[in-house]
Amino acid sequence: MSWKCARALILILLVSIFSVGLEQPSPARGAVNILASPIQAGCYLAHHDQCKIHVDPYTLNLTPGKKLVFFQLITTRIGTGIQRVIYDFRPDQSNPAPSTGNTYSPSLVAKDFAAACGQEYTLSLQGQDSGDATPFNLGITEQFTCPTGSYFINLPMINK
């Protein structure tokens, strides 16, 4: 082997060794400190031309000694990918939830949220507690379809 080839191989080897040492490792994401019970939701015809998404009760489980920072319910419309925050909860800063224990069961101000009839959605629950650096997706539903049509055909007739 010629001296030029040997020098080229040594140079390539040295560059490879040093470039591997310069790579920045990706930051590891810590363990999740907030968990939740399963999220359940569906859609119903509220009026002949209005649909609503109903969310069943759920519980947030926090790491002992940690407090709730926030949670959100987010819908994603299938087909368009449009995401909307339909519920955004922030606890009191001076006395954050939970006041005792490690669980928090939200009492939703509105259990049902407006939706477009005939559209498909998923619903996700995202949250963060004081031990987490970033929010986490705590659960997501399978896709569901809001009905279309009229509830007038489903109402019984009252004859006098």
C-alpha atoms as a PDB file:
ATOM      1  CA  MET A   1       0.000   0.000   0.000  1.00  0.00           C
ATOM      2  CA  SER A   2       1.315   3.404  -0.863  1.00  0.00           C
ATOM      3  CA  TRP A   3       2.131   6.033   1.731  1.00  0.00           C
ATOM      4  CA  LYS A   4      -0.608   8.359   0.340  1.00  0.00           C
ATOM      5  CA  CYS A   5      -3.298   5.670   0.744  1.00  0.00           C
ATOM      6  CA  ALA A   6      -2.168   4.888   4.305  1.00  0.00           C
ATOM      7  CA  ARG A   7      -2.293   8.579   5.266  1.00  0.00           C
ATOM      8  CA  ALA A   8      -5.760   8.940   3.714  1.00  0.00           C
ATOM      9  CA  LEU A   9      -7.060   5.911   5.664  1.00  0.00           C
ATOM     10  CA  ILE A  10      -5.567   7.195   8.927  1.00  0.00           C
ATOM     11  CA  LEU A  11      -7.094  10.635   8.313  1.00  0.00           C
ATOM     12  CA  ILE A  12     -10.535   9.100   7.618  1.00  0.00           C
ATOM     13  CA  LEU A  13     -10.259   6.968  10.752  1.00  0.00           C
ATOM     14  CA  LEU A  14      -9.324   9.958  12.937  1.00  0.00           C
ATOM     15  CA  VAL A  15     -12.126  12.129  11.533  1.00  0.00           C
ATOM     16  CA  SER A  16     -14.612   9.305  12.166  1.00  0.00           C
ATOM     17  CA  ILE A  17     -13.479   8.825  15.753  1.00  0.00           C
ATOM     18  CA  PHE A  18     -13.635  12.543  16.592  1.00  0.00           C
ATOM     19  CA  SER A  19     -16.957  13.133  14.855  1.00  0.00           C
ATOM     20  CA  VAL A  20     -18.595  10.341  16.873  1.00  0.00           C
ATOM     21  CA  GLY A  21     -17.464  12.057  20.061  1.00  0.00           C
ATOM     22  CA  LEU A  22     -18.987  15.359  18.926  1.00  0.00           C
ATOM     23  CA  GLU A  23     -22.534  14.017  18.472  1.00  0.00           C
ATOM     24  CA  GLN A  24     -24.916  15.390  21.046  1.00  0.00           C
ATOM     25  CA  PRO A  25     -27.063  12.737  22.681  1.00  0.00           C
ATOM     26  CA  SER A  26     -30.786  13.413  22.538  1.00  0.00           C
ATOM     27  CA  PRO A  27     -32.154  14.441  25.917  1.00  0.00           C
ATOM     28  CA  ALA A  28     -33.847  11.583  27.713  1.00  0.00           C
ATOM     29  CA  ARG A  29     -37.411  12.203  28.754  1.00  0.00           C
ATOM     30  CA  GLY A  30     -37.958  11.511  32.431  1.00  0.00           C
ATOM     31  CA  ALA A  31     -40.529   9.216  33.899  1.00  0.00           C
ATOM     32  CA  VAL A  32     -44.110  10.386  33.720  1.00  0.00           C
ATOM     33  CA  ASN A  33     -45.310  11.718  37.090  1.00  0.00           C
ATOM     34  CA  ILE A  34     -48.958  12.109  36.110  1.00  0.00           C
ATOM     35  CA  LEU A  35     -51.270   9.318  34.952  1.00  0.00           C
ATOM     36  CA  ALA A  36     -55.003   9.094  34.319  1.00  0.00           C
ATOM     37  CA  SER A  37     -57.828   6.620  34.314  1.00  0.00           C
ATOM     38  CA  PRO A  38     -59.104   5.661  30.844  1.00  0.00           C
ATOM     39  CA  ILE A  39     -60.717   8.479  28.890  1.00  0.00           C
ATOM     40  CA  GLN A  40     -64.148   7.636  27.441  1.00  0.00           C
ATOM     41  CA  ALA A  41     -66.143   9.888  25.106  1.00  0.00           C
ATOM     42  CA  GLY A  42     -68.813   9.789  22.438  1.00  0.00           C
ATOM     43  CA  CYS A  43     -71.087  12.052  20.423  1.00  0.00           C
ATOM     44  CA  TYR A  44     -74.869  12.453  20.358  1.00  0.00           C
ATOM     45  CA  LEU A  45     -77.537  14.440  18.562  1.00  0.00           C
ATOM     46  CA  ALA A  46     -78.528  17.213  20.987  1.00  0.00           C
ATOM     47  CA  HIS A  47     -80.936  19.028  18.687  1.00  0.00           C
ATOM     48  CA  HIS A  48     -82.040  18.329  15.139  1.00  0.00           C
ATOM     49  CA  ASP A  49     -78.957  20.123  13.823  1.00  0.00           C
ATOM     50  CA  GLN A  50     -76.580  20.151  16.812  1.00  0.00           C
ATOM     51  CA  CYS A  51     -74.247  17.473  18.123  1.00  0.00           C
ATOM     52  CA  LYS A  52     -72.360  17.316  21.387  1.00  0.00           C
ATOM     53  CA  ILE A  53     -69.384  15.322  22.627  1.00  0.00           C
ATOM     54  CA  HIS A  54     -69.976  13.700  26.012  1.00  0.00           C
ATOM     55  CA  VAL A  55     -66.982  12.847  28.231  1.00  0.00           C
ATOM     56  CA  ASP A  56     -67.337  10.293  31.027  1.00  0.00           C
ATOM     57  CA  PRO A  57     -65.760  11.068  34.427  1.00  0.00           C
ATOM     58  CA  TYR A  58     -62.043  10.346  34.805  1.00  0.00           C
ATOM     59  CA  THR A  59     -59.372  10.609  37.506  1.00  0.00           C
ATOM     60  CA  LEU A  60     -55.877  12.083  37.399  1.00  0.00           C
ATOM     61  CA  ASN A  61     -53.246  10.250  39.465  1.00  0.00           C
ATOM     62  CA  LEU A  62     -50.296  12.337  40.595  1.00  0.00           C
ATOM     63  CA  THR A  63     -46.961  11.296  42.068  1.00  0.00           C
ATOM     64  CA  PRO A  64     -47.029  11.657  45.872  1.00  0.00           C
ATOM     65  CA  GLY A  65     -46.030  15.185  46.874  1.00  0.00           C
ATOM     66  CA  LYS A  66     -46.655  16.661  43.399  1.00  0.00           C
ATOM     67  CA  LYS A  67     -49.388  19.111  42.440  1.00  0.00           C
ATOM     68  CA  LEU A  68     -51.457  19.519  39.297  1.00  0.00           C
ATOM     69  CA  VAL A  69     -50.165  22.128  36.812  1.00  0.00           C
ATOM     70  CA  PHE A  70     -52.941  21.731  34.193  1.00  0.00           C
ATOM     71  CA  PHE A  71     -54.964  19.352  32.082  1.00  0.00           C
ATOM     72  CA  GLN A  72     -56.740  19.760  28.753  1.00  0.00           C
ATOM     73  CA  LEU A  73     -59.278  17.881  26.657  1.00  0.00           C
ATOM     74  CA  ILE A  74     -58.372  18.128  22.980  1.00  0.00           C
ATOM     75  CA  THR A  75     -60.444  16.981  20.002  1.00  0.00           C
ATOM     76  CA  THR A  76     -58.923  16.049  16.664  1.00  0.00           C
ATOM     77  CA  ARG A  77     -61.213  16.062  13.644  1.00  0.00           C
ATOM     78  CA  ILE A  78     -60.411  13.048  11.487  1.00  0.00           C
ATOM     79  CA  GLY A  79     -59.782  13.907   7.853  1.00  0.00           C
ATOM     80  CA  THR A  80     -58.627  17.467   8.485  1.00  0.00           C
ATOM     81  CA  GLY A  81     -56.378  16.900  11.506  1.00  0.00           C
ATOM     82  CA  ILE A  82     -57.703  20.092  13.084  1.00  0.00           C
ATOM     83  CA  GLN A  83     -57.146  20.047  16.841  1.00  0.00           C
ATOM     84  CA  ARG A  84     -59.152  22.135  19.291  1.00  0.00           C
ATOM     85  CA  VAL A  85     -58.755  22.529  23.029  1.00  0.00           C
ATOM     86  CA  ILE A  86     -62.314  22.116  24.301  1.00  0.00           C
ATOM     87  CA  TYR A  87     -61.493  22.234  28.024  1.00  0.00           C
ATOM     88  CA  ASP A  88     -58.472  23.865  29.674  1.00  0.00           C
ATOM     89  CA  PHE A  89     -58.172  23.564  33.458  1.00  0.00           C
ATOM     90  CA  ARG A  90     -55.636  25.414  35.628  1.00  0.00           C
ATOM     91  CA  PRO A  91     -55.681  25.083  39.427  1.00  0.00           C
ATOM     92  CA  ASP A  92     -55.330  27.908  41.924  1.00  0.00           C
ATOM     93  CA  GLN A  93     -51.663  28.907  42.174  1.00  0.00           C
ATOM     94  CA  SER A  94     -51.636  29.374  45.940  1.00  0.00           C
ATOM     95  CA  ASN A  95     -53.435  26.114  46.700  1.00  0.00           C
ATOM     96  CA  PRO A  96     -53.060  23.749  43.727  1.00  0.00           C
ATOM     97  CA  ALA A  97     -54.983  20.500  43.447  1.00  0.00           C
ATOM     98  CA  PRO A  98     -55.166  18.001  44.918  1.00  0.00           C
ATOM     99  CA  SER A  99     -55.629  19.472  48.365  1.00  0.00           C
ATOM    100  CA  THR A 100     -55.107  16.033  49.933  1.00  0.00           C
ATOM    101  CA  GLY A 101     -53.955  12.699  48.540  1.00  0.00           C
ATOM    102  CA  ASN A 102     -52.590  11.893  45.101  1.00  0.00           C
ATOM    103  CA  THR A 103     -55.723  11.816  42.952  1.00  0.00           C
ATOM    104  CA  TYR A 104     -57.884  14.500  41.414  1.00  0.00           C
ATOM    105  CA  SER A 105     -61.287  13.821  39.859  1.00  0.00           C
ATOM    106  CA  PRO A 106     -62.384  16.856  37.860  1.00  0.00           C
ATOM    107  CA  SER A 107     -65.921  18.096  38.166  1.00  0.00           C
ATOM    108  CA  LEU A 108     -66.362  19.389  34.635  1.00  0.00           C
ATOM    109  CA  VAL A 109     -68.136  22.723  34.301  1.00  0.00           C
ATOM    110  CA  ALA A 110     -69.708  21.411  31.106  1.00  0.00           C
ATOM    111  CA  LYS A 111     -69.894  17.683  30.548  1.00  0.00           C
ATOM    112  CA  ASP A 112     -70.845  18.078  26.921  1.00  0.00           C
ATOM    113  CA  PHE A 113     -69.008  20.039  24.262  1.00  0.00           C
ATOM    114  CA  ALA A 114     -70.212  21.355  20.885  1.00  0.00           C
ATOM    115  CA  ALA A 115     -69.294  19.290  17.824  1.00  0.00           C
ATOM    116  CA  ALA A 116     -70.094  19.204  14.109  1.00  0.00           C
ATOM    117  CA  CYS A 117     -72.663  16.575  13.175  1.00  0.00           C
ATOM    118  CA  GLY A 118     -71.476  13.962  10.675  1.00  0.00           C
ATOM    119  CA  GLN A 119     -67.799  14.453  11.560  1.00  0.00           C
ATOM    120  CA  GLU A 120     -65.368  11.918  13.031  1.00  0.00           C
ATOM    121  CA  TYR A 121     -63.277  12.812  16.087  1.00  0.00           C
ATOM    122  CA  THR A 122     -60.811  11.486  18.615  1.00  0.00           C
ATOM    123  CA  LEU A 123     -60.509  13.007  22.080  1.00  0.00           C
ATOM    124  CA  SER A 124     -57.279  13.131  24.072  1.00  0.00           C
ATOM    125  CA  LEU A 125     -56.535  14.039  27.664  1.00  0.00           C
ATOM    126  CA  GLN A 126     -53.246  15.871  28.205  1.00  0.00           C
ATOM    127  CA  GLY A 127     -51.801  17.011  31.489  1.00  0.00           C
ATOM    128  CA  GLN A 128     -48.827  17.941  33.594  1.00  0.00           C
ATOM    129  CA  ASP A 129     -47.992  17.902  37.289  1.00  0.00           C
ATOM    130  CA  SER A 130     -45.255  19.759  39.160  1.00  0.00           C
ATOM    131  CA  GLY A 131     -42.843  16.833  38.684  1.00  0.00           C
ATOM    132  CA  ASP A 132     -43.057  16.839  34.886  1.00  0.00           C
ATOM    133  CA  ALA A 133     -41.044  19.185  32.675  1.00  0.00           C
ATOM    134  CA  THR A 134     -43.533  18.942  29.800  1.00  0.00           C
ATOM    135  CA  PRO A 135     -47.168  17.913  29.294  1.00  0.00           C
ATOM    136  CA  PHE A 136     -48.021  14.301  28.496  1.00  0.00           C
ATOM    137  CA  ASN A 137     -50.779  12.668  26.488  1.00  0.00           C
ATOM    138  CA  LEU A 138     -52.561  10.714  29.230  1.00  0.00           C
ATOM    139  CA  GLY A 139     -55.099   8.944  27.045  1.00  0.00           C
ATOM    140  CA  ILE A 140     -56.919   9.039  23.734  1.00  0.00           C
ATOM    141  CA  THR A 141     -60.193   7.568  22.510  1.00  0.00           C
ATOM    142  CA  GLU A 142     -60.753   5.521  19.389  1.00  0.00           C
ATOM    143  CA  GLN A 143     -62.330   7.634  16.660  1.00  0.00           C
ATOM    144  CA  PHE A 144     -66.074   8.180  16.915  1.00  0.00           C
ATOM    145  CA  THR A 145     -68.605   9.745  14.546  1.00  0.00           C
ATOM    146  CA  CYS A 146     -71.156  12.357  15.457  1.00  0.00           C
ATOM    147  CA  PRO A 147     -74.577  11.393  14.106  1.00  0.00           C
ATOM    148  CA  THR A 148     -76.542  13.236  11.459  1.00  0.00           C
ATOM    149  CA  GLY A 149     -80.224  13.439  10.818  1.00  0.00           C
ATOM    150  CA  SER A 150     -83.135  14.487  12.903  1.00  0.00           C
ATOM    151  CA  TYR A 151     -84.249  13.309  16.294  1.00  0.00           C
ATOM    152  CA  PHE A 152     -87.828  14.158  15.347  1.00  0.00           C
ATOM    153  CA  ILE A 153     -88.141  10.725  13.734  1.00  0.00           C
ATOM    154  CA  ASN A 154     -87.177   9.093  17.017  1.00  0.00           C
ATOM    155  CA  LEU A 155     -89.696  10.901  19.220  1.00  0.00           C
ATOM    156  CA  PRO A 156     -92.888   9.019  20.057  1.00  0.00           C
ATOM    157  CA  MET A 157     -96.189  10.501  18.876  1.00  0.00           C
ATOM    158  CA  ILE A 158     -98.644  11.483  21.574  1.00  0.00           C
ATOM    159  CA  ASN A 159    -102.222  11.168  20.413  1.00  0.00           C
ATOM    160  CA  LYS A 160    -104.966  13.000  22.289  1.00  0.00           C
END
